[in-house]
Every structure is written in structure tokens, then in C-alpha cells.
Amino acid sequence: MGELPGAAPSAQDVARLSAWVHGAVQGVGFRWWTRSRALELGLTGYARNAPDGRVHVVAEGTRAAGEALLALLRSGDTAGRVDLVVESWEPARGDMSGFEER
């Protein structure tokens, strides 16, 4: 049976994406761009600059929304220049609200 329209996602449908974004992604509006896309997709989490020049993106929501954000990060249409995105997935923790630039 399919889900009812408007039904909340089940626990199996939610996930936590951790993505390390490599390239020219600091000082170019990349975190703002990522926050905007994540909020459009209904994700919670953050985008944080790392000392080595990467940006760490952590996002929770439906697996489909996380996959969509990952595709956008790899699309070539981001702020700055993305050379590589290394992702990992884990169960959602439900410990975040909103989407922050850190």
C-alpha cells in the first residue's frame, strides 16, 4: 500500500546526510547557497567551514530530499567551485531545527 497524501514520513524514510565538499567553497557564498537549497527541500541541519578549506554539510530529512541536496551539491551550479563531494549516511537523530550557516 502507498502512503497517504500529506502523511508524515516514517522513521525508515528519514536519514542524516554528512557531506564533505571539496573545492573553492569558502568565501564565495557556498554555505548561504546550500542553506537556501536545503530549506527549499525541507531539510534541517547546517553547513560549516572546516579549517582545511572544505565545507561540511549535515542535513536531515527524507532520504529523497537528502539525495536531491546531494545531487545539487554535485551539479556544478553551486556558488564557488565543487571538485568533490564525499558523503555518508546514517539514521536521523532528530536533534536539529532549521538550517544554519556555521
C-alpha atoms as a PDB file:
ATOM      1  CA  MET A   1       0.000   0.000   0.000  1.00  0.00           C
ATOM      2  CA  GLY A   2       1.171   3.547  -0.703  1.00  0.00           C
ATOM      3  CA  GLU A   3       1.479   6.366   1.776  1.00  0.00           C
ATOM      4  CA  LEU A   4      -1.437   8.652   2.353  1.00  0.00           C
ATOM      5  CA  PRO A   5      -1.002  12.114   0.813  1.00  0.00           C
ATOM      6  CA  GLY A   6       0.330  14.509   3.415  1.00  0.00           C
ATOM      7  CA  ALA A   7       1.337  11.703   5.791  1.00  0.00           C
ATOM      8  CA  ALA A   8       4.462  12.278   7.850  1.00  0.00           C
ATOM      9  CA  PRO A   9       7.495  10.302   6.645  1.00  0.00           C
ATOM     10  CA  SER A  10       8.084   7.073   8.519  1.00  0.00           C
ATOM     11  CA  ALA A  11      11.283   6.510  10.502  1.00  0.00           C
ATOM     12  CA  GLN A  12      12.644   4.394   7.628  1.00  0.00           C
ATOM     13  CA  ASP A  13      12.249   7.308   5.214  1.00  0.00           C
ATOM     14  CA  VAL A  14      14.323   9.819   7.190  1.00  0.00           C
ATOM     15  CA  ALA A  15      18.100   9.943   7.173  1.00  0.00           C
ATOM     16  CA  ARG A  16      21.088  12.083   8.088  1.00  0.00           C
ATOM     17  CA  LEU A  17      23.443  13.071   5.287  1.00  0.00           C
ATOM     18  CA  SER A  18      27.007  14.117   6.073  1.00  0.00           C
ATOM     19  CA  ALA A  19      28.767  15.587   3.036  1.00  0.00           C
ATOM     20  CA  TRP A  20      32.326  16.927   2.889  1.00  0.00           C
ATOM     21  CA  VAL A  21      32.549  19.357  -0.020  1.00  0.00           C
ATOM     22  CA  HIS A  22      35.998  19.946  -1.540  1.00  0.00           C
ATOM     23  CA  GLY A  23      36.932  22.795  -3.885  1.00  0.00           C
ATOM     24  CA  ALA A  24      36.766  26.593  -3.834  1.00  0.00           C
ATOM     25  CA  VAL A  25      33.805  26.673  -1.455  1.00  0.00           C
ATOM     26  CA  GLN A  26      34.756  29.164   1.271  1.00  0.00           C
ATOM     27  CA  GLY A  27      34.233  32.909   0.984  1.00  0.00           C
ATOM     28  CA  VAL A  28      32.049  32.546  -2.115  1.00  0.00           C
ATOM     29  CA  GLY A  29      28.507  32.259  -0.687  1.00  0.00           C
ATOM     30  CA  PHE A  30      28.510  28.463  -0.778  1.00  0.00           C
ATOM     31  CA  ARG A  31      27.085  27.982   2.731  1.00  0.00           C
ATOM     32  CA  TRP A  32      24.310  30.504   2.029  1.00  0.00           C
ATOM     33  CA  TRP A  33      23.528  28.740  -1.271  1.00  0.00           C
ATOM     34  CA  THR A  34      23.467  25.354   0.470  1.00  0.00           C
ATOM     35  CA  ARG A  35      21.200  26.667   3.241  1.00  0.00           C
ATOM     36  CA  SER A  36      18.758  28.044   0.664  1.00  0.00           C
ATOM     37  CA  ARG A  37      18.584  24.729  -1.225  1.00  0.00           C
ATOM     38  CA  ALA A  38      18.245  22.707   1.998  1.00  0.00           C
ATOM     39  CA  LEU A  39      15.376  24.854   3.258  1.00  0.00           C
ATOM     40  CA  GLU A  40      13.621  24.555  -0.118  1.00  0.00           C
ATOM     41  CA  LEU A  41      13.870  20.769   0.282  1.00  0.00           C
ATOM     42  CA  GLY A  42      12.558  20.816   3.870  1.00  0.00           C
ATOM     43  CA  LEU A  43      15.849  19.702   5.420  1.00  0.00           C
ATOM     44  CA  THR A  44      17.302  20.655   8.797  1.00  0.00           C
ATOM     45  CA  GLY A  45      20.989  20.897   9.599  1.00  0.00           C
ATOM     46  CA  TYR A  46      23.979  23.102   8.902  1.00  0.00           C
ATOM     47  CA  ALA A  47      26.835  23.988   6.556  1.00  0.00           C
ATOM     48  CA  ARG A  48      30.118  24.721   8.340  1.00  0.00           C
ATOM     49  CA  ASN A  49      33.521  25.851   7.093  1.00  0.00           C
ATOM     50  CA  ALA A  50      36.341  23.463   8.009  1.00  0.00           C
ATOM     51  CA  PRO A  51      39.862  24.738   8.736  1.00  0.00           C
ATOM     52  CA  ASP A  52      41.257  22.864   5.691  1.00  0.00           C
ATOM     53  CA  GLY A  53      39.060  24.750   3.179  1.00  0.00           C
ATOM     54  CA  ARG A  54      36.266  22.193   2.858  1.00  0.00           C
ATOM     55  CA  VAL A  55      32.635  22.746   3.859  1.00  0.00           C
ATOM     56  CA  HIS A  56      30.884  20.128   5.997  1.00  0.00           C
ATOM     57  CA  VAL A  57      27.170  19.833   5.238  1.00  0.00           C
ATOM     58  CA  VAL A  58      24.960  17.881   7.641  1.00  0.00           C
ATOM     59  CA  ALA A  59      21.299  17.567   6.651  1.00  0.00           C
ATOM     60  CA  GLU A  60      18.366  15.582   7.996  1.00  0.00           C
ATOM     61  CA  GLY A  61      15.026  14.871   6.424  1.00  0.00           C
ATOM     62  CA  THR A  62      13.608  12.398   3.985  1.00  0.00           C
ATOM     63  CA  ARG A  63      16.166  10.286   2.178  1.00  0.00           C
ATOM     64  CA  ALA A  64      14.779  11.610  -1.120  1.00  0.00           C
ATOM     65  CA  ALA A  65      15.348  15.234  -0.044  1.00  0.00           C
ATOM     66  CA  GLY A  66      18.869  14.378   1.108  1.00  0.00           C
ATOM     67  CA  GLU A  67      19.595  12.716  -2.241  1.00  0.00           C
ATOM     68  CA  ALA A  68      18.245  15.810  -4.008  1.00  0.00           C
ATOM     69  CA  LEU A  69      20.551  18.076  -1.979  1.00  0.00           C
ATOM     70  CA  LEU A  70      23.494  15.799  -2.733  1.00  0.00           C
ATOM     71  CA  ALA A  71      22.704  15.992  -6.460  1.00  0.00           C
ATOM     72  CA  LEU A  72      22.551  19.802  -6.218  1.00  0.00           C
ATOM     73  CA  LEU A  73      25.919  19.904  -4.425  1.00  0.00           C
ATOM     74  CA  ARG A  74      27.402  17.906  -7.327  1.00  0.00           C
ATOM     75  CA  SER A  75      25.516  19.769 -10.071  1.00  0.00           C
ATOM     76  CA  GLY A  76      28.123  22.372 -10.991  1.00  0.00           C
ATOM     77  CA  ASP A  77      25.516  25.089 -10.349  1.00  0.00           C
ATOM     78  CA  THR A  78      26.685  25.916  -6.831  1.00  0.00           C
ATOM     79  CA  ALA A  79      28.303  29.073  -5.545  1.00  0.00           C
ATOM     80  CA  GLY A  80      32.063  28.617  -5.830  1.00  0.00           C
ATOM     81  CA  ARG A  81      33.578  25.518  -7.427  1.00  0.00           C
ATOM     82  CA  VAL A  82      32.953  21.998  -6.165  1.00  0.00           C
ATOM     83  CA  ASP A  83      35.647  19.454  -7.051  1.00  0.00           C
ATOM     84  CA  LEU A  84      34.484  16.502  -4.941  1.00  0.00           C
ATOM     85  CA  VAL A  85      31.693  15.601  -2.515  1.00  0.00           C
ATOM     86  CA  VAL A  86      32.262  12.701  -0.118  1.00  0.00           C
ATOM     87  CA  GLU A  87      29.037  11.602   1.553  1.00  0.00           C
ATOM     88  CA  SER A  88      27.967   9.223   4.256  1.00  0.00           C
ATOM     89  CA  TRP A  89      24.520   8.331   5.547  1.00  0.00           C
ATOM     90  CA  GLU A  90      23.253   7.362   8.979  1.00  0.00           C
ATOM     91  CA  PRO A  91      19.907   7.198  10.759  1.00  0.00           C
ATOM     92  CA  ALA A  92      18.346  10.570  11.524  1.00  0.00           C
ATOM     93  CA  ARG A  93      18.854  11.793  15.089  1.00  0.00           C
ATOM     94  CA  GLY A  94      16.126  14.454  15.117  1.00  0.00           C
ATOM     95  CA  ASP A  95      18.335  16.844  17.083  1.00  0.00           C
ATOM     96  CA  MET A  96      18.345  19.825  14.695  1.00  0.00           C
ATOM     97  CA  SER A  97      15.864  22.504  13.694  1.00  0.00           C
ATOM     98  CA  GLY A  98      16.197  24.987  10.860  1.00  0.00           C
ATOM     99  CA  PHE A  99      19.316  25.084   8.711  1.00  0.00           C
ATOM    100  CA  GLU A 100      22.309  27.112   9.884  1.00  0.00           C
ATOM    101  CA  GLU A 101      25.411  28.572   8.354  1.00  0.00           C
ATOM    102  CA  ARG A 102      28.180  27.941  10.877  1.00  0.00           C
END
